[in-house]
Amino acid sequence: MDHRTSEGLRKIDQLRNVVRDLLETHPVPVAAFSDGVRLVGDHIPEPSGSTRLDSAISFGRRQEANHLVIVTDGEPDSKTAALEE
């Protein structure tokens, strides 16, 4: 996510702005995923590691989430595993 937006921001910084604005009106849990998944509050970490989309979906299920909004900077490590979740 090192590319810049039309506003000159890095995409990750633009995402952080969107999450911050969302949390002002919709206080929801925020998690980050790469090699693992963890709750991060309002601090979105720098992109790193792999894209374990299946783990992110499974984490949402364990949290008993009714809805998931997933933003990723890459292809899932396993499309099959992600679809099976």
C-alpha atoms as a PDB file:
ATOM      1  CA  MET A   1       0.000   0.000   0.000  1.00  0.00           C
ATOM      2  CA  ASP A   2       2.805   2.443  -0.778  1.00  0.00           C
ATOM      3  CA  HIS A   3       1.034   4.009  -3.739  1.00  0.00           C
ATOM      4  CA  ARG A   4      -0.363   7.506  -3.305  1.00  0.00           C
ATOM      5  CA  THR A   5      -3.971   8.642  -3.559  1.00  0.00           C
ATOM      6  CA  SER A   6      -5.072  11.669  -5.560  1.00  0.00           C
ATOM      7  CA  GLU A   7      -4.723  13.659  -2.303  1.00  0.00           C
ATOM      8  CA  GLY A   8      -1.053  12.656  -2.091  1.00  0.00           C
ATOM      9  CA  LEU A   9      -1.555  10.331   0.890  1.00  0.00           C
ATOM     10  CA  ARG A  10      -0.279   6.802   1.088  1.00  0.00           C
ATOM     11  CA  LYS A  11      -3.181   4.382   0.706  1.00  0.00           C
ATOM     12  CA  ILE A  12      -2.614   3.014   4.219  1.00  0.00           C
ATOM     13  CA  ASP A  13      -2.852   6.547   5.630  1.00  0.00           C
ATOM     14  CA  GLN A  14      -6.077   7.155   3.709  1.00  0.00           C
ATOM     15  CA  LEU A  15      -7.438   3.890   5.137  1.00  0.00           C
ATOM     16  CA  ARG A  16      -6.519   5.069   8.631  1.00  0.00           C
ATOM     17  CA  ASN A  17      -8.498   8.269   8.024  1.00  0.00           C
ATOM     18  CA  VAL A  18     -11.533   6.285   6.861  1.00  0.00           C
ATOM     19  CA  VAL A  19     -11.376   3.993   9.907  1.00  0.00           C
ATOM     20  CA  ARG A  20     -11.017   6.963  12.264  1.00  0.00           C
ATOM     21  CA  ASP A  21     -14.063   8.650  10.707  1.00  0.00           C
ATOM     22  CA  LEU A  22     -16.061   5.405  10.774  1.00  0.00           C
ATOM     23  CA  LEU A  23     -15.300   4.827  14.450  1.00  0.00           C
ATOM     24  CA  GLU A  24     -16.653   8.284  15.327  1.00  0.00           C
ATOM     25  CA  THR A  25     -20.151   7.259  14.216  1.00  0.00           C
ATOM     26  CA  HIS A  26     -19.971   3.452  14.382  1.00  0.00           C
ATOM     27  CA  PRO A  27     -17.966   2.147  17.349  1.00  0.00           C
ATOM     28  CA  VAL A  28     -17.072  -1.293  16.031  1.00  0.00           C
ATOM     29  CA  PRO A  29     -14.157  -3.638  16.728  1.00  0.00           C
ATOM     30  CA  VAL A  30     -11.261  -3.282  14.296  1.00  0.00           C
ATOM     31  CA  ALA A  31      -8.859  -6.140  13.608  1.00  0.00           C
ATOM     32  CA  ALA A  32      -5.738  -6.409  11.465  1.00  0.00           C
ATOM     33  CA  PHE A  33      -4.645  -9.564   9.706  1.00  0.00           C
ATOM     34  CA  SER A  34      -1.558 -10.817   7.925  1.00  0.00           C
ATOM     35  CA  ASP A  35       0.124 -13.944   9.290  1.00  0.00           C
ATOM     36  CA  GLY A  36      -2.329 -13.793  12.207  1.00  0.00           C
ATOM     37  CA  VAL A  37      -5.313 -11.725  13.348  1.00  0.00           C
ATOM     38  CA  ARG A  38      -5.533  -9.310  16.271  1.00  0.00           C
ATOM     39  CA  LEU A  39      -7.792  -6.551  17.526  1.00  0.00           C
ATOM     40  CA  VAL A  40      -6.104  -3.203  16.970  1.00  0.00           C
ATOM     41  CA  GLY A  41      -8.627  -0.588  18.088  1.00  0.00           C
ATOM     42  CA  ASP A  42      -8.097   2.551  16.046  1.00  0.00           C
ATOM     43  CA  HIS A  43      -4.431   1.875  15.217  1.00  0.00           C
ATOM     44  CA  ILE A  44      -4.091   0.332  11.754  1.00  0.00           C
ATOM     45  CA  PRO A  45      -0.585  -1.169  11.496  1.00  0.00           C
ATOM     46  CA  GLU A  46       1.696  -0.957   8.480  1.00  0.00           C
ATOM     47  CA  PRO A  47       1.003  -3.691   5.899  1.00  0.00           C
ATOM     48  CA  SER A  48       3.252  -6.727   6.330  1.00  0.00           C
ATOM     49  CA  GLY A  49       3.345 -10.490   6.061  1.00  0.00           C
ATOM     50  CA  SER A  50       0.928 -12.632   4.173  1.00  0.00           C
ATOM     51  CA  THR A  51      -2.816 -12.308   3.487  1.00  0.00           C
ATOM     52  CA  ARG A  52      -4.581 -14.921   5.617  1.00  0.00           C
ATOM     53  CA  LEU A  53      -8.097 -13.960   4.549  1.00  0.00           C
ATOM     54  CA  ASP A  54      -9.431 -17.278   5.878  1.00  0.00           C
ATOM     55  CA  SER A  55      -8.100 -16.399   9.341  1.00  0.00           C
ATOM     56  CA  ALA A  56      -9.737 -12.969   9.196  1.00  0.00           C
ATOM     57  CA  ILE A  57     -13.127 -14.472   8.334  1.00  0.00           C
ATOM     58  CA  SER A  58     -12.768 -17.166  10.998  1.00  0.00           C
ATOM     59  CA  PHE A  59     -11.841 -14.491  13.560  1.00  0.00           C
ATOM     60  CA  GLY A  60     -14.991 -12.544  12.680  1.00  0.00           C
ATOM     61  CA  ARG A  61     -17.078 -15.675  13.215  1.00  0.00           C
ATOM     62  CA  ARG A  62     -15.497 -16.280  16.624  1.00  0.00           C
ATOM     63  CA  GLN A  63     -16.320 -12.672  17.535  1.00  0.00           C
ATOM     64  CA  GLU A  64     -19.931 -13.447  16.520  1.00  0.00           C
ATOM     65  CA  ALA A  65     -19.907 -10.614  13.996  1.00  0.00           C
ATOM     66  CA  ASN A  66     -23.082 -10.105  11.996  1.00  0.00           C
ATOM     67  CA  HIS A  67     -21.192  -8.250   9.261  1.00  0.00           C
ATOM     68  CA  LEU A  68     -17.566  -8.037   8.178  1.00  0.00           C
ATOM     69  CA  VAL A  69     -15.886  -5.308   6.170  1.00  0.00           C
ATOM     70  CA  ILE A  70     -12.546  -6.590   4.957  1.00  0.00           C
ATOM     71  CA  VAL A  71      -9.944  -4.359   3.345  1.00  0.00           C
ATOM     72  CA  THR A  72      -6.831  -6.016   1.970  1.00  0.00           C
ATOM     73  CA  ASP A  73      -3.808  -4.949  -0.027  1.00  0.00           C
ATOM     74  CA  GLY A  74      -3.266  -8.342  -1.605  1.00  0.00           C
ATOM     75  CA  GLU A  75      -4.628 -11.616  -2.848  1.00  0.00           C
ATOM     76  CA  PRO A  76      -5.510 -14.189  -0.194  1.00  0.00           C
ATOM     77  CA  ASP A  77      -2.855 -16.795   0.514  1.00  0.00           C
ATOM     78  CA  SER A  78      -5.493 -19.444  -0.207  1.00  0.00           C
ATOM     79  CA  LYS A  79      -8.621 -18.501  -2.149  1.00  0.00           C
ATOM     80  CA  THR A  80     -10.008 -21.967  -1.447  1.00  0.00           C
ATOM     81  CA  ALA A  81      -9.554 -21.656   2.317  1.00  0.00           C
ATOM     82  CA  ALA A  82     -11.098 -18.176   2.301  1.00  0.00           C
ATOM     83  CA  LEU A  83     -14.145 -19.384   0.367  1.00  0.00           C
ATOM     84  CA  GLU A  84     -14.555 -22.356   2.692  1.00  0.00           C
ATOM     85  CA  GLU A  85     -14.813 -20.006   5.679  1.00  0.00           C
END
